[in-house]
Amino acid sequence: MISHITVDRRDATYDHHAEQAVLPVTVHHRDGRTEPTRLVMDPGQVELYFLQLGRLIDTRAEERRRCGELAGM
């Protein structure tokens, strides 16, 4: 059974012939095993995750600013 998946600290690639982005990831199993694999995304998925990750980055930055302001009070 899979516990979670982490993104590897390696560059994603784009195959323009297949029109797919490939992101290296590691699958973590509940028994402690891990296995490297790839997350393959079509252009629509890449655009969707671009927007979602951008929102998460903005939310984190805003929260850090807010917490910094509270700490200064």
C-alpha atoms as a PDB file:
ATOM      1  CA  MET A   1       0.000   0.000   0.000  1.00  0.00           C
ATOM      2  CA  ILE A   2       1.222   3.495  -0.828  1.00  0.00           C
ATOM      3  CA  SER A   3       1.786   5.997   1.970  1.00  0.00           C
ATOM      4  CA  HIS A   4       2.636   9.053  -0.113  1.00  0.00           C
ATOM      5  CA  ILE A   5       4.545  10.349  -3.134  1.00  0.00           C
ATOM      6  CA  THR A   6       7.297  12.968  -3.090  1.00  0.00           C
ATOM      7  CA  VAL A   7       8.680  15.023  -5.947  1.00  0.00           C
ATOM      8  CA  ASP A   8      12.361  14.327  -6.589  1.00  0.00           C
ATOM      9  CA  ARG A   9      14.762  17.264  -6.616  1.00  0.00           C
ATOM     10  CA  ARG A  10      15.457  16.867 -10.301  1.00  0.00           C
ATOM     11  CA  ASP A  11      14.315  18.851 -13.300  1.00  0.00           C
ATOM     12  CA  ALA A  12      11.086  18.036 -15.061  1.00  0.00           C
ATOM     13  CA  THR A  13      11.320  17.380 -18.787  1.00  0.00           C
ATOM     14  CA  TYR A  14       8.965  17.984 -21.682  1.00  0.00           C
ATOM     15  CA  ASP A  15       8.562  15.584 -24.586  1.00  0.00           C
ATOM     16  CA  HIS A  16       7.247  17.744 -27.420  1.00  0.00           C
ATOM     17  CA  HIS A  17       6.519  14.722 -29.631  1.00  0.00           C
ATOM     18  CA  ALA A  18       4.279  13.103 -27.013  1.00  0.00           C
ATOM     19  CA  GLU A  19       3.173  16.528 -25.684  1.00  0.00           C
ATOM     20  CA  GLN A  20       3.804  15.370 -22.121  1.00  0.00           C
ATOM     21  CA  ALA A  21       5.692  16.757 -19.162  1.00  0.00           C
ATOM     22  CA  VAL A  22       7.534  14.245 -17.014  1.00  0.00           C
ATOM     23  CA  LEU A  23       8.323  14.888 -13.358  1.00  0.00           C
ATOM     24  CA  PRO A  24      10.529  12.447 -11.417  1.00  0.00           C
ATOM     25  CA  VAL A  25       8.843  11.290  -8.192  1.00  0.00           C
ATOM     26  CA  THR A  26       9.362   8.690  -5.476  1.00  0.00           C
ATOM     27  CA  VAL A  27       6.564   6.440  -4.258  1.00  0.00           C
ATOM     28  CA  HIS A  28       6.749   5.668  -0.521  1.00  0.00           C
ATOM     29  CA  HIS A  29       5.101   2.489   0.696  1.00  0.00           C
ATOM     30  CA  ARG A  30       3.782   1.961   4.203  1.00  0.00           C
ATOM     31  CA  ASP A  31       6.255  -0.871   4.763  1.00  0.00           C
ATOM     32  CA  GLY A  32       9.166   1.559   4.244  1.00  0.00           C
ATOM     33  CA  ARG A  33      10.000   0.613   0.667  1.00  0.00           C
ATOM     34  CA  THR A  34      10.453   3.354  -1.907  1.00  0.00           C
ATOM     35  CA  GLU A  35      10.527   3.265  -5.662  1.00  0.00           C
ATOM     36  CA  PRO A  36      11.413   5.944  -8.166  1.00  0.00           C
ATOM     37  CA  THR A  37       8.963   6.587 -10.978  1.00  0.00           C
ATOM     38  CA  ARG A  38       7.621   9.439 -13.078  1.00  0.00           C
ATOM     39  CA  LEU A  39       4.528  11.591 -13.021  1.00  0.00           C
ATOM     40  CA  VAL A  40       3.438  12.089 -16.629  1.00  0.00           C
ATOM     41  CA  MET A  41       1.175  15.071 -17.353  1.00  0.00           C
ATOM     42  CA  ASP A  42      -0.527  16.342 -20.490  1.00  0.00           C
ATOM     43  CA  PRO A  43      -0.440  20.089 -21.251  1.00  0.00           C
ATOM     44  CA  GLY A  44      -3.795  20.719 -19.558  1.00  0.00           C
ATOM     45  CA  GLN A  45      -2.608  19.078 -16.356  1.00  0.00           C
ATOM     46  CA  VAL A  46       0.614  21.112 -16.420  1.00  0.00           C
ATOM     47  CA  GLU A  47      -1.394  24.331 -16.711  1.00  0.00           C
ATOM     48  CA  LEU A  48      -3.753  23.287 -13.914  1.00  0.00           C
ATOM     49  CA  TYR A  49      -0.896  22.434 -11.524  1.00  0.00           C
ATOM     50  CA  PHE A  50       0.908  25.657 -12.506  1.00  0.00           C
ATOM     51  CA  LEU A  51      -2.119  27.630 -11.326  1.00  0.00           C
ATOM     52  CA  GLN A  52      -2.655  25.537  -8.186  1.00  0.00           C
ATOM     53  CA  LEU A  53       1.007  25.645  -7.148  1.00  0.00           C
ATOM     54  CA  GLY A  54       1.122  29.384  -7.793  1.00  0.00           C
ATOM     55  CA  ARG A  55      -1.814  29.861  -5.420  1.00  0.00           C
ATOM     56  CA  LEU A  56      -0.114  27.726  -2.776  1.00  0.00           C
ATOM     57  CA  ILE A  57       3.087  29.761  -3.075  1.00  0.00           C
ATOM     58  CA  ASP A  58       1.103  33.002  -2.749  1.00  0.00           C
ATOM     59  CA  THR A  59      -0.822  31.649   0.263  1.00  0.00           C
ATOM     60  CA  ARG A  60       2.411  30.600   1.986  1.00  0.00           C
ATOM     61  CA  ALA A  61       4.013  33.988   1.352  1.00  0.00           C
ATOM     62  CA  GLU A  62       0.959  35.824   2.681  1.00  0.00           C
ATOM     63  CA  GLU A  63       0.830  33.631   5.793  1.00  0.00           C
ATOM     64  CA  ARG A  64       4.524  34.204   6.450  1.00  0.00           C
ATOM     65  CA  ARG A  65       4.021  37.964   6.123  1.00  0.00           C
ATOM     66  CA  ARG A  66       0.999  37.809   8.425  1.00  0.00           C
ATOM     67  CA  CYS A  67       2.865  35.770  11.048  1.00  0.00           C
ATOM     68  CA  GLY A  68       5.812  38.148  10.837  1.00  0.00           C
ATOM     69  CA  GLU A  69       3.510  41.087  11.443  1.00  0.00           C
ATOM     70  CA  LEU A  70       1.957  39.360  14.459  1.00  0.00           C
ATOM     71  CA  ALA A  71       5.377  38.531  15.888  1.00  0.00           C
ATOM     72  CA  GLY A  72       6.345  42.194  15.678  1.00  0.00           C
ATOM     73  CA  MET A  73       3.358  43.317  17.757  1.00  0.00           C
END
